[in-house]
Structure formats: C-alpha cells, structure tokens
Protein backbone atom coordinates (compact mmCIF):
# COMPACT_ATOMS: atom_id res chain seq x y z
CA MET A 1 9.86 91.06 39.93
CA THR A 2 11.45 87.68 40.94
CA PRO A 3 8.95 85.47 42.53
CA LYS A 4 9.88 85.24 46.30
CA SER A 5 9.75 81.59 47.76
CA LEU A 6 6.91 80.48 50.13
CA TRP A 7 8.65 77.19 51.12
CA GLY A 8 10.95 78.19 53.95
CA GLN A 9 14.16 76.46 54.55
CA ILE A 10 13.84 72.91 53.27
CA ASP A 11 16.62 70.27 54.36
CA THR A 12 17.89 69.10 50.67
CA GLU A 13 20.85 67.04 52.49
CA MET A 14 19.73 62.93 53.36
CA THR A 15 20.17 63.00 57.24
CA LEU A 16 19.15 59.47 57.48
CA PRO A 17 19.54 56.52 54.56
CA ALA A 18 15.92 55.18 53.59
CA PRO A 19 15.37 51.83 53.98
CA VAL A 20 15.96 50.69 50.33
CA ASN A 21 19.10 52.74 50.24
CA ILE A 22 20.18 50.09 53.22
CA LEU A 23 18.87 46.96 51.05
CA GLN A 24 20.83 48.56 48.23
CA ASP A 25 24.13 48.94 50.22
CA GLN A 26 23.73 45.25 51.61
CA ALA A 27 23.03 44.04 48.18
CA ALA A 28 26.76 45.87 46.84
CA MET A 29 28.21 44.83 49.90
CA LEU A 30 27.43 40.55 49.03
CA GLU A 31 28.72 41.00 45.64
CA LYS A 32 31.97 42.48 47.55
CA ILE A 33 32.12 39.85 49.94
CA THR A 34 31.97 36.90 47.49
CA GLY A 35 33.96 38.54 44.75
CA GLY A 36 30.96 38.54 42.30
CA ILE A 37 30.31 34.96 42.77
CA LEU A 38 27.06 36.12 43.97
CA SER A 39 25.28 39.75 43.97
CA GLY A 40 22.55 41.32 45.02
CA ASP A 41 19.42 43.02 43.54
CA VAL A 42 16.39 44.99 45.40
CA GLN A 43 13.46 44.61 43.62
CA ARG A 44 10.67 47.69 43.84
CA SER A 45 7.49 48.20 43.50
CA GLN A 46 4.50 50.34 44.88
CA ASP A 47 0.64 50.82 44.71
CA LYS A 48 -1.26 53.93 45.73
CA SER A 49 -0.40 53.67 49.45
CA THR A 50 2.98 51.57 49.78
CA PHE A 51 6.08 51.12 48.69
CA CYS A 52 7.84 47.50 48.55
CA ALA A 53 11.36 46.45 48.17
CA THR A 54 12.62 42.96 48.16
CA LEU A 55 16.34 42.04 48.47
CA GLU A 56 17.25 38.99 46.08
CA VAL A 57 20.64 37.26 45.82
CA VAL A 58 21.59 36.64 42.44
CA ALA A 59 23.94 33.96 41.48
CA PRO A 60 25.16 35.04 37.94
CA TYR A 61 26.72 31.45 37.30
CA LEU A 62 23.42 29.38 37.95
CA ARG A 63 21.56 30.79 35.04
CA SER A 64 21.09 33.66 37.15
CA TYR A 65 18.98 32.12 39.79
CA ARG A 66 17.54 34.14 42.54
CA LEU A 67 17.00 33.87 46.03
CA GLY A 68 14.58 36.26 47.70
CA VAL A 69 15.79 37.06 51.52
CA VAL A 70 14.27 40.04 52.78
CA GLU A 71 10.97 42.05 52.02
CA ILE A 72 10.21 45.66 53.29
CA GLN A 73 6.94 47.66 52.80
CA TYR A 74 6.62 51.15 54.16
CA HIS A 75 4.15 54.06 53.61
CA PRO A 76 5.36 57.53 52.00
CA PRO A 77 6.09 59.93 53.00
CA GLU A 78 7.64 58.77 55.74
CA GLU A 79 10.33 55.94 55.93
CA TYR A 80 9.20 54.77 59.26
CA PRO A 81 7.89 52.86 60.61
CA VAL A 82 8.68 49.93 57.65
CA SER A 83 7.50 46.57 58.20
CA VAL A 84 9.97 43.52 57.38
CA LEU A 85 9.73 40.19 56.36
CA ASP A 86 12.46 37.12 56.56
CA ILE A 87 11.31 35.47 53.56
CA ILE A 88 14.00 32.35 54.24
CA PRO A 89 12.19 30.10 56.65
CA ASP A 90 14.34 29.01 59.70
CA HIS A 91 14.01 25.32 59.01
CA PRO A 92 13.50 23.71 55.51
CA GLY A 93 10.20 23.04 54.30
CA ASN A 94 8.43 25.78 56.36
CA ASP A 95 5.83 27.63 54.51
CA ARG A 96 5.94 31.30 53.50
CA THR A 97 2.62 32.32 54.44
CA PHE A 98 3.02 31.59 58.15
CA MET A 99 6.05 34.05 58.64
CA PRO A 100 5.22 37.32 60.45
CA TRP A 101 5.80 40.99 59.45
CA THR A 102 8.08 43.05 61.99
CA THR A 103 7.55 46.37 62.44
CA CYS A 104 10.43 48.58 63.05
CA GLU A 105 10.00 51.83 64.25
CA ASP A 106 13.35 53.49 63.35
CA GLU A 107 16.49 53.20 61.20
CA LYS A 108 18.42 51.48 64.78
CA GLN A 109 15.54 48.74 65.04
CA PHE A 110 15.64 48.34 61.13
CA LEU A 111 19.45 47.63 60.97
CA GLN A 112 19.13 45.22 64.07
CA ARG A 113 16.34 43.27 62.65
CA LEU A 114 18.06 43.19 59.44
CA GLY A 115 21.12 41.95 61.02
CA GLU A 116 19.37 39.30 62.13
CA ILE A 117 17.81 37.97 59.25
CA LEU A 118 21.26 38.66 57.09
CA GLY A 119 23.13 36.93 59.79
CA LYS A 120 21.50 34.14 60.64
CA PRO A 121 22.98 30.35 60.44
CA ARG A 122 20.45 28.67 57.92
CA LEU A 123 20.98 31.79 55.47
CA ARG A 124 24.87 31.87 55.65
CA LYS A 125 24.45 27.80 54.98
CA ILE A 126 22.44 28.59 51.56
CA LEU A 127 24.81 31.40 50.42
CA SER A 128 27.59 29.04 51.02
CA SER A 129 26.47 26.35 48.81
CA LEU A 130 25.32 29.08 46.41
CA VAL A 131 29.31 29.91 46.18
CA SER A 132 30.01 26.70 45.78
CA HIS A 133 27.86 25.73 43.09
CA SER A 134 28.59 28.77 41.46
CA GLN A 135 32.31 28.11 41.75
CA ALA A 136 31.87 24.73 39.88
CA GLU A 137 29.67 26.02 37.37
CA ARG A 138 32.19 29.04 36.69
CA SER A 139 35.06 26.73 36.56
CA ASP A 140 33.30 24.67 33.76
CA THR A 141 32.44 28.07 31.61
CA GLN A 142 36.07 29.07 31.87
CA PRO A 143 38.29 28.33 28.85
CA SER A 144 41.02 25.85 30.11
CA VAL A 145 44.75 27.38 29.18
CA ALA A 146 46.73 24.76 27.54
CA THR A 147 50.07 24.75 28.50
CA SER A 148 53.10 24.46 26.22
CA GLN A 149 56.24 22.65 26.85
C-alpha cells in the first residue's frame, strides 16, 4: 500500500523573491553595469533565530577590496519583515554604530529602501572612485602590446 500524503497542497513555486535573492540580483547587476570592474557579493550568516546577509562591493583589481553597503536581517520561516541597515554613512567620518536599522514590512517597502540606499549620491561617488582606481590598476596589469612597423 502506497502511503497517502497528509501535507495537503504545498505551493512549491517561488511567488516572491526572498530578500537575500534580491541582494544577489543587485550584486549581479553591479557587475553588469560596470563591465566586471566591480562586482557584488552577498555574505550570508545565521544564528539560531536570525538570518543575516550583507551586500558587499568587490573591486578585483584593487586586491579584491571589499566595501559593505547594506545588511539585512530576518527571522525565518518568514521573510518579512526584514530589517535593513545602510552601512555607508551619508557623510564621511560618521560612526556606523549610530546608524539606525529600518524595518520593511513587505517586498515593496524593501525594494524602496534598497533603492534609496543603492542610489544615494555618496555611494555613487564612492563607486565611481572605485571604478576609476580599478581602471588605473587594470591598465597597469594589462600587458602592453608592442606594434611592429
């Protein structure tokens, strides 16, 4: 006799992307936008009741320099609410310890907050600087091609 499932209908199709998947998508987007000069990496960790993920910018041509941009925390099995920390202060020299966490109740709020963080002028300026330094380092490491006459 074949056992009968008592689980009922379980939706196995992902209807909404998890917050960590959204961070991973943005990490891939950074690499695409910069032509591979910068990339993104999502570092994941967990303790007993909290999942954490940090989106970092990686500059491979600068000895794999890493810059944390945003950190999230949520409590499984639910993905929302998600707590979001903007790691880059609005002004140089600000101490990260005084930066508040923001709680996003759903995907819409999370996308809005993430867009605010990733699109802020100071971060764009930092990324442009990393691209510039990376391009200089990349050109120094590329073998020069001698032209023959």
